[in-house]
Protein backbone atom coordinates (compact mmCIF):
# COMPACT_ATOMS: atom_id res chain seq x y z
CA MET A 1 131.46 -57.21 25.78
CA GLN A 2 128.77 -55.12 27.55
CA LYS A 3 129.18 -54.15 31.16
CA LYS A 4 126.42 -55.04 33.51
CA GLN A 5 124.62 -52.05 35.03
CA ILE A 6 124.32 -52.47 38.75
CA THR A 7 121.39 -50.71 40.24
CA LYS A 8 121.86 -49.91 43.91
CA PRO A 9 118.77 -50.25 45.99
CA ALA A 10 117.24 -47.03 47.16
CA PRO A 11 118.13 -46.05 50.74
CA LYS A 12 115.41 -46.77 53.24
CA ALA A 13 113.50 -43.66 54.31
CA LYS A 14 114.19 -42.70 57.87
CA PRO A 15 111.11 -42.98 60.09
CA THR A 16 109.64 -39.67 60.96
CA LYS A 17 108.61 -38.80 64.52
CA THR A 18 105.10 -37.54 63.56
CA ALA A 19 102.79 -39.84 61.67
CA SER A 20 100.43 -38.31 59.08
CA LYS A 21 96.91 -37.82 60.27
CA PRO A 22 94.19 -39.94 58.63
CA ALA A 23 91.94 -37.96 56.25
CA LYS A 24 88.62 -36.90 57.77
CA PRO A 25 85.66 -38.79 56.24
CA GLU A 26 83.50 -36.59 54.04
CA THR A 27 80.26 -35.48 55.54
CA LYS A 28 77.30 -36.10 53.24
CA LEU A 29 74.17 -34.09 53.68
CA GLY A 30 71.94 -37.14 53.65
CA GLU A 31 73.96 -38.85 56.41
CA LEU A 32 74.09 -35.56 58.32
CA GLN A 33 70.35 -35.25 58.37
CA SER A 34 69.53 -38.87 59.02
CA THR A 35 71.82 -39.07 62.11
CA ARG A 36 70.74 -35.61 63.10
CA GLU A 37 74.32 -34.45 63.66
CA ARG A 38 74.66 -30.76 63.18
CA LYS A 39 77.95 -29.69 61.67
CA THR A 40 79.05 -26.88 59.46
CA VAL A 41 78.59 -28.04 55.89
CA LEU A 42 79.16 -26.47 52.40
CA MET A 43 75.62 -26.24 51.15
CA GLN A 44 73.81 -24.98 47.98
CA GLY A 45 70.77 -22.71 48.27
CA ASN A 46 68.47 -25.24 46.73
CA GLU A 47 69.83 -27.89 49.09
CA ALA A 48 69.14 -25.59 52.08
CA VAL A 49 65.52 -25.21 50.86
CA ALA A 50 65.11 -29.01 50.74
CA TYR A 51 66.49 -29.55 54.19
CA GLY A 52 64.62 -26.61 55.61
CA ALA A 53 61.46 -28.16 54.22
CA LEU A 54 62.25 -31.50 55.88
CA ASP A 55 63.13 -29.90 59.26
CA ALA A 56 59.86 -27.93 59.14
CA GLY A 57 57.94 -31.26 58.86
CA CYS A 58 57.22 -31.29 55.12
CA ASN A 59 56.16 -34.85 54.23
CA PHE A 60 54.80 -34.40 50.70
CA PHE A 61 56.42 -33.01 47.56
CA ALA A 62 54.92 -32.97 44.03
CA GLY A 63 56.69 -31.30 41.26
CA TYR A 64 58.05 -31.22 37.75
CA PRO A 65 61.84 -30.69 37.17
CA ILE A 66 62.76 -27.27 35.82
CA THR A 67 66.03 -25.32 35.82
CA PRO A 68 67.15 -23.67 38.10
CA SER A 69 65.09 -25.38 40.94
CA THR A 70 65.60 -29.03 40.06
CA GLU A 71 68.03 -29.80 42.94
CA ILE A 72 65.19 -29.25 45.42
CA ALA A 73 63.16 -32.05 43.81
CA GLU A 74 66.19 -34.32 43.49
CA ILE A 75 67.05 -34.14 47.20
CA LEU A 76 63.43 -34.56 48.41
CA ALA A 77 63.00 -37.53 46.01
CA ALA A 78 65.79 -39.25 47.89
CA GLU A 79 65.05 -37.99 51.45
CA LEU A 80 61.27 -38.03 51.83
CA PRO A 81 60.87 -41.82 51.48
CA LYS A 82 63.46 -42.32 54.23
CA ARG A 83 61.19 -40.38 56.56
CA GLY A 84 57.90 -41.88 55.57
CA GLY A 85 57.09 -38.98 53.30
CA VAL A 86 55.90 -39.01 49.68
CA PHE A 87 57.59 -37.67 46.59
CA VAL A 88 55.62 -37.59 43.28
CA GLN A 89 57.01 -36.38 39.97
CA MET A 90 53.97 -34.91 38.23
CA GLU A 91 53.35 -34.56 34.48
CA ASP A 92 53.46 -30.71 34.72
CA GLU A 93 53.27 -27.80 37.05
CA ILE A 94 49.46 -27.56 36.93
CA ALA A 95 49.22 -31.01 38.35
CA SER A 96 51.96 -30.25 40.87
CA ILE A 97 50.10 -27.36 42.54
CA CYS A 98 46.87 -29.31 42.55
CA ALA A 99 48.54 -32.33 44.14
CA ILE A 100 50.11 -30.40 47.05
CA THR A 101 46.74 -28.72 47.68
CA GLY A 102 44.99 -32.08 47.83
CA ALA A 103 47.73 -33.60 49.94
CA SER A 104 47.43 -30.66 52.45
CA LEU A 105 43.69 -31.18 52.72
CA ALA A 106 44.48 -34.75 53.70
CA GLY A 107 46.74 -33.49 56.50
CA ALA A 108 50.18 -33.32 54.85
CA LYS A 109 52.65 -30.49 55.04
CA ALA A 110 53.12 -29.95 51.30
CA LEU A 111 55.53 -28.12 49.07
CA THR A 112 56.55 -27.74 45.40
CA ALA A 113 59.32 -25.97 43.56
CA THR A 114 59.48 -24.47 40.13
CA SER A 115 60.75 -21.52 38.08
CA GLY A 116 59.51 -19.01 35.53
CA PRO A 117 57.24 -20.83 33.07
CA GLY A 118 56.22 -23.36 35.70
CA PHE A 119 55.31 -20.59 38.15
CA SER A 120 52.98 -19.06 35.51
CA LEU A 121 51.25 -22.36 35.09
CA MET A 122 50.67 -22.65 38.80
CA GLN A 123 48.81 -19.36 39.18
CA GLU A 124 45.25 -20.75 38.99
CA GLY A 125 46.14 -23.46 41.51
CA ILE A 126 47.72 -20.85 43.79
CA GLY A 127 44.44 -18.94 43.64
CA PHE A 128 42.52 -22.16 44.49
CA ALA A 129 44.72 -22.81 47.55
CA LYS A 130 44.08 -19.23 48.74
CA ILE A 131 40.32 -19.22 48.37
CA THR A 132 40.08 -22.70 49.95
CA GLU A 133 42.55 -21.51 52.65
CA THR A 134 44.71 -24.62 52.23
CA PRO A 135 48.28 -24.49 53.56
CA CYS A 136 51.04 -25.14 51.06
CA VAL A 137 54.39 -23.61 49.88
CA VAL A 138 55.58 -22.84 46.42
CA VAL A 139 59.29 -22.21 45.90
CA ASN A 140 60.07 -20.17 42.77
CA VAL A 141 63.79 -19.97 41.79
CA GLN A 142 63.67 -17.04 39.43
CA ARG A 143 65.38 -16.97 36.03
CA VAL A 144 65.41 -14.64 33.08
CA GLY A 145 62.16 -14.42 31.15
CA PRO A 146 59.63 -14.00 29.71
CA SER A 147 58.78 -17.49 28.28
CA THR A 148 61.75 -19.89 28.20
CA GLY A 149 64.11 -16.89 28.43
CA MET A 150 67.56 -17.74 29.79
CA PRO A 151 67.05 -20.82 32.06
CA THR A 152 70.50 -20.69 33.69
CA SER A 153 70.76 -16.95 34.29
CA CYS A 154 69.65 -14.88 37.21
CA ALA A 155 66.71 -12.51 37.43
CA GLN A 156 64.10 -11.04 39.83
CA GLY A 157 61.21 -10.80 37.42
CA GLU A 158 58.41 -12.38 39.46
CA ILE A 159 58.28 -10.01 42.34
CA GLN A 160 55.01 -8.55 41.17
CA GLN A 161 53.70 -11.82 39.74
CA SER A 162 54.11 -13.42 43.12
CA ARG A 163 51.59 -10.85 44.46
CA TRP A 164 49.25 -10.34 41.49
CA GLY A 165 49.71 -13.43 39.31
CA SER A 166 46.43 -15.16 40.23
CA HIS A 167 43.21 -13.37 39.19
CA GLY A 168 40.97 -11.79 41.79
CA ASP A 169 41.89 -10.11 45.00
CA SER A 170 43.89 -12.47 47.19
CA PRO A 171 46.49 -11.15 49.56
CA ALA A 172 49.86 -12.91 49.38
CA ILE A 173 52.68 -13.96 51.79
CA VAL A 174 55.95 -13.87 49.93
CA LEU A 175 59.42 -14.35 51.42
CA TYR A 176 62.86 -13.69 49.86
CA PRO A 177 66.23 -14.75 51.39
CA ASP A 178 69.69 -13.37 50.49
CA SER A 179 71.93 -16.19 51.68
CA VAL A 180 72.06 -19.97 51.79
CA LYS A 181 71.55 -19.87 55.58
CA GLU A 182 68.39 -17.77 55.03
CA CYS A 183 67.22 -20.27 52.31
CA TYR A 184 67.07 -22.84 55.12
CA GLU A 185 65.56 -20.54 57.72
CA LEU A 186 62.94 -18.87 55.46
CA THR A 187 61.79 -22.23 54.07
CA ILE A 188 60.99 -23.26 57.63
CA ARG A 189 59.26 -19.92 58.14
CA ALA A 190 57.28 -20.32 54.92
CA VAL A 191 55.99 -23.74 55.92
CA ASN A 192 55.12 -22.40 59.43
CA LEU A 193 53.25 -19.39 58.03
CA SER A 194 51.35 -21.46 55.57
CA GLU A 195 50.16 -23.70 58.44
CA LYS A 196 49.40 -20.87 60.77
CA TYR A 197 47.47 -18.65 58.31
CA ARG A 198 46.01 -21.43 56.11
CA THR A 199 47.30 -20.11 52.82
CA CYS A 200 49.73 -20.68 49.93
CA VAL A 201 53.06 -19.03 50.85
CA ILE A 202 55.58 -18.32 48.11
CA LEU A 203 59.35 -18.46 48.76
CA LEU A 204 61.26 -16.51 46.12
CA LEU A 205 64.89 -17.36 45.29
CA ASP A 206 66.90 -16.50 42.26
CA GLU A 207 69.29 -18.61 40.19
CA VAL A 208 72.36 -17.38 41.84
CA LEU A 209 70.98 -17.94 45.37
CA GLY A 210 69.73 -21.38 44.41
CA HIS A 211 73.07 -22.56 43.10
CA MET A 212 75.64 -20.69 45.19
CA ARG A 213 77.37 -22.55 47.96
CA GLU A 214 78.11 -21.22 51.48
CA ALA A 215 79.10 -22.81 54.79
CA VAL A 216 76.01 -23.28 56.83
CA ARG A 217 75.61 -24.69 60.35
CA LEU A 218 72.20 -26.25 60.75
CA PRO A 219 70.63 -25.67 64.12
CA ASP A 220 69.75 -28.48 66.56
CA LEU A 221 66.28 -29.70 65.79
CA ALA A 222 65.34 -28.90 69.38
CA ASN A 223 65.87 -25.21 68.50
CA VAL A 224 63.82 -25.30 65.29
CA ARG A 225 60.39 -23.84 65.80
CA VAL A 226 57.82 -25.79 63.92
CA ILE A 227 54.12 -24.65 63.71
CA SER A 228 51.36 -26.95 62.69
CA ARG A 229 47.80 -25.93 61.67
CA ILE A 230 45.14 -25.31 64.33
CA LYS A 231 42.96 -28.39 64.80
CA PRO A 232 39.21 -28.14 65.59
CA THR A 233 38.16 -28.75 69.20
CA VAL A 234 34.43 -29.02 68.56
CA PRO A 235 32.50 -32.16 67.69
CA PRO A 236 32.30 -32.84 63.94
CA HIS A 237 28.60 -31.76 63.62
CA TRP A 238 29.57 -28.30 65.02
CA TYR A 239 32.62 -27.90 62.74
CA LYS A 240 32.81 -24.94 60.34
CA HIS A 241 35.60 -25.24 57.86
CA TYR A 242 35.96 -21.44 57.57
CA ASP A 243 35.29 -20.43 61.17
CA GLU A 244 37.46 -17.74 62.66
CA ASN A 245 38.95 -16.37 65.86
CA GLN A 246 39.86 -12.78 66.71
CA LYS A 247 42.99 -13.01 64.49
CA TYR A 248 40.98 -14.33 61.58
CA LEU A 249 42.62 -17.80 61.72
CA SER A 250 40.46 -20.85 61.21
CA PRO A 251 40.84 -24.35 62.59
CA LEU A 252 41.47 -26.92 59.87
CA ALA A 253 40.33 -30.57 59.88
CA SER A 254 41.83 -33.05 57.56
CA TYR A 255 39.98 -35.54 55.35
CA GLY A 256 39.77 -38.84 57.15
CA GLU A 257 39.47 -37.38 60.68
CA GLY A 258 35.66 -37.69 60.87
CA TYR A 259 34.82 -34.14 59.93
CA ARG A 260 32.63 -33.40 57.03
CA PHE A 261 33.36 -30.26 55.01
CA HIS A 262 33.08 -28.97 51.39
CA VAL A 263 35.90 -27.59 49.46
CA THR A 264 35.38 -25.58 46.19
CA GLY A 265 36.90 -22.77 44.24
CA LEU A 266 33.56 -20.99 44.15
CA THR A 267 32.84 -18.27 46.62
CA HIS A 268 31.53 -20.12 49.69
CA ASP A 269 29.99 -19.81 53.12
CA GLN A 270 31.62 -20.84 56.45
CA LEU A 271 30.77 -24.50 55.77
CA GLY A 272 32.43 -24.36 52.38
CA PHE A 273 29.35 -24.60 50.28
CA PRO A 274 28.91 -22.28 47.20
CA THR A 275 27.01 -19.07 47.73
CA ASN A 276 25.86 -16.06 45.71
CA LYS A 277 24.72 -14.11 48.75
CA ALA A 278 26.45 -10.64 48.77
CA VAL A 279 26.96 -10.75 52.55
CA GLU A 280 28.55 -14.22 52.63
CA ALA A 281 30.76 -13.34 49.64
CA ALA A 282 31.89 -10.17 51.43
CA ASP A 283 32.57 -12.08 54.57
CA MET A 284 34.73 -14.56 52.70
CA MET A 285 36.80 -11.87 50.96
CA ASP A 286 37.18 -9.91 54.23
CA ARG A 287 38.53 -12.99 56.03
CA LEU A 288 41.13 -13.55 53.33
CA ARG A 289 42.24 -9.93 53.58
CA LYS A 290 42.07 -9.45 57.36
CA LYS A 291 44.05 -12.53 58.31
CA ILE A 292 47.03 -10.89 56.47
CA VAL A 293 46.58 -7.17 57.30
CA TYR A 294 45.53 -7.77 60.92
CA ASN A 295 48.76 -9.80 61.48
CA ILE A 296 51.17 -7.58 59.55
CA ARG A 297 53.63 -7.38 62.53
CA ASP A 298 53.95 -11.15 62.64
CA LEU A 299 54.39 -11.46 58.89
CA VAL A 300 56.84 -8.63 57.97
CA GLN A 301 60.55 -9.08 58.50
CA ILE A 302 63.06 -6.44 57.34
CA GLU A 303 66.80 -5.90 57.86
CA SER A 304 68.19 -2.48 58.56
CA TYR A 305 71.90 -2.09 57.94
CA GLU A 306 73.85 1.05 58.76
CA MET A 307 70.67 3.13 58.59
CA GLU A 308 71.24 5.00 61.84
CA ASP A 309 72.92 8.06 60.30
CA ALA A 310 72.28 7.36 56.59
CA ARG A 311 71.36 10.14 54.22
CA ILE A 312 71.11 7.66 51.33
CA ALA A 313 69.29 4.40 51.50
CA ILE A 314 69.55 1.46 49.23
CA PHE A 315 66.36 -0.73 49.02
CA ALA A 316 67.16 -4.22 47.64
CA ALA A 317 66.20 -7.89 48.02
CA GLY A 318 67.67 -11.23 47.24
CA ILE A 319 71.03 -11.56 45.65
CA THR A 320 71.07 -7.91 44.69
CA ALA A 321 70.95 -6.96 48.36
CA ARG A 322 74.35 -8.74 48.88
CA ALA A 323 75.92 -6.45 46.30
CA ALA A 324 74.09 -3.49 47.93
CA LYS A 325 75.52 -4.35 51.37
CA ALA A 326 78.98 -4.39 49.86
CA ALA A 327 78.35 -1.03 48.18
CA VAL A 328 77.37 0.38 51.54
CA ALA A 329 80.77 -0.61 52.95
CA MET A 330 82.59 0.89 50.02
CA ALA A 331 80.68 4.17 50.20
CA ARG A 332 81.27 4.38 54.01
CA GLN A 333 84.96 4.13 53.42
CA GLU A 334 84.62 7.16 51.21
CA GLY A 335 82.76 9.11 53.91
CA ILE A 336 79.30 8.72 52.19
CA LYS A 337 76.55 8.02 54.73
CA VAL A 338 74.70 5.11 53.12
CA GLY A 339 72.50 2.40 54.56
CA LEU A 340 70.55 -0.65 53.37
CA LEU A 341 66.92 -1.58 53.92
CA ARG A 342 66.33 -5.19 52.93
CA PRO A 343 62.83 -6.81 53.00
CA LEU A 344 62.85 -10.48 53.89
CA THR A 345 59.10 -10.31 53.47
CA ILE A 346 58.25 -8.99 50.03
CA TRP A 347 54.51 -9.27 50.43
CA PRO A 348 52.77 -7.92 52.41
CA PHE A 349 55.04 -4.98 51.49
CA PRO A 350 56.72 -3.34 54.50
CA ASP A 351 55.01 0.00 54.07
CA ASP A 352 55.72 1.35 57.53
CA ALA A 353 59.44 0.58 57.44
CA VAL A 354 59.68 2.22 54.03
CA ARG A 355 57.80 5.33 55.05
CA LYS A 356 60.18 5.77 57.99
CA MET A 357 63.14 5.34 55.69
CA LEU A 358 61.75 7.96 53.38
CA ARG A 359 61.43 10.42 56.24
CA ASP A 360 65.01 9.98 57.24
CA VAL A 361 66.94 10.08 53.90
CA ASP A 362 67.35 12.34 50.94
CA ILE A 363 68.00 9.72 48.23
CA VAL A 364 66.74 6.20 47.73
CA VAL A 365 68.65 3.83 45.41
CA VAL A 366 66.70 0.75 44.17
CA PRO A 367 68.82 -1.91 42.30
CA GLU A 368 66.94 -4.82 40.93
CA LEU A 369 67.17 -7.52 38.22
CA ASN A 370 64.04 -6.53 36.35
CA GLN A 371 62.57 -3.45 34.70
CA GLY A 372 61.24 -1.80 37.84
CA GLN A 373 59.15 -3.90 40.15
CA LEU A 374 60.35 -3.10 43.64
CA VAL A 375 60.71 0.60 42.74
CA ARG A 376 56.97 0.73 41.89
CA GLU A 377 56.19 0.20 45.57
CA ILE A 378 58.72 2.82 46.58
CA GLN A 379 57.14 5.28 44.16
CA ARG A 380 53.75 4.45 45.56
CA LEU A 381 54.98 5.56 49.00
CA VAL A 382 57.13 8.44 47.96
CA LYS A 383 54.56 10.23 45.89
CA ASP A 384 53.91 12.72 48.71
CA ARG A 385 57.63 13.51 49.07
CA SER A 386 58.60 15.84 46.25
CA ASP A 387 62.03 16.35 47.92
CA SER A 388 62.98 12.62 47.83
CA LYS A 389 65.17 11.49 44.95
CA LEU A 390 64.93 7.98 43.46
CA ILE A 391 67.87 6.28 41.68
CA LYS A 392 66.84 3.24 39.61
CA ILE A 393 69.34 0.56 38.68
CA GLN A 394 67.72 -2.17 36.51
CA ARG A 395 69.21 -5.08 34.61
CA VAL A 396 67.55 -7.85 32.66
CA ASN A 397 70.40 -9.39 30.61
CA GLY A 398 71.20 -12.25 32.95
CA LYS A 399 74.15 -10.41 34.55
CA LEU A 400 74.33 -9.36 38.21
CA ILE A 401 74.47 -5.83 39.44
CA SER A 402 77.82 -5.37 41.16
CA PRO A 403 78.70 -3.27 44.22
CA ALA A 404 80.69 -1.02 41.89
CA ASP A 405 77.69 -0.53 39.63
CA ILE A 406 75.56 0.62 42.66
CA LEU A 407 78.34 2.95 43.96
CA ARG A 408 78.93 4.54 40.58
CA LYS A 409 75.15 5.19 40.00
CA MET A 410 74.84 6.54 43.53
CA LYS A 411 77.67 9.04 43.04
CA GLU A 412 76.19 10.10 39.71
CA GLY A 413 72.92 10.94 41.52
CA ILE A 414 74.35 12.81 44.39
């Protein structure tokens, strides 16, 4: 005869004096932006670009998905329609750059995003935006090339292309952040500069910056400086589409506002009509150049870190500058006087800041994820200094340059 097993009921848990706190609801970026709450959020670099564009007033995006920039398009596809903006997925990158140029001429603040092969396809359109002086922004999240290369690996191979990629002489404005916070800030700056100077501004990122996540506190919109294009104040029959003021900035009417103007990629006069006259051609080219070089102080931004007593300077941009800053700290702990000069504006190149750096230091270290694009500009400025020593650190295999790599090469060169 089997005995019955008697299971005693489990004793009741004693009530605790402190009740558990309810879990905090997750803050989603879309909700954060739509309600305009500004909290610290974990944000990806590409996300920061998208929300920087929105806060700068961008209301038109045309693009074609390409790794590693696709998140920018994904976010703007969801967010622009909520704000009355327009998102268009184009058939390719050639159509994308043409679409944002046309949208800008109709009054929109327009932006596109791409990488590597797509950036190459956009070069003719970038040249068209420059010669027609049409505001727009191209974000290029760099990856290993050439051609398809390594789509998910980091590189800095388009530093020179961003300046010289389009044929003919056309000065460029190119910005390059080194953090997720700066991705947000420099996107706003890129949109502002494109509107102010009536040109195509390029924002360079790299794959790691685009995909890394950092805590970012977005500023209150009241503290975000937004610049819009200068509008004409003269009657329509007096309007010159390429008129200029003392700073070589031209008012810009939009199609549909009652102003008649002509837009062409041909060399043109102040009304926009094609010309073969040498004087008018020279005037047009001078205006394109002078509105950049005459406003160099407004355009160039550069960070100087631990340079006050430095005898060795590291010159680096983007994700490589983060490794360089860590290398500076490591070297200082060993008593080596090292500093960092980091350009936030790649083009126009910060010649004056670099010349000052070269006067004050004995060695310049240039780490970069390419085969020597930034160092070419340093060599251009150092050619008169036979006593200055250059240490090049270059990598093109998809791997990052570490702080230890920089410190080791630096010690080898001392």
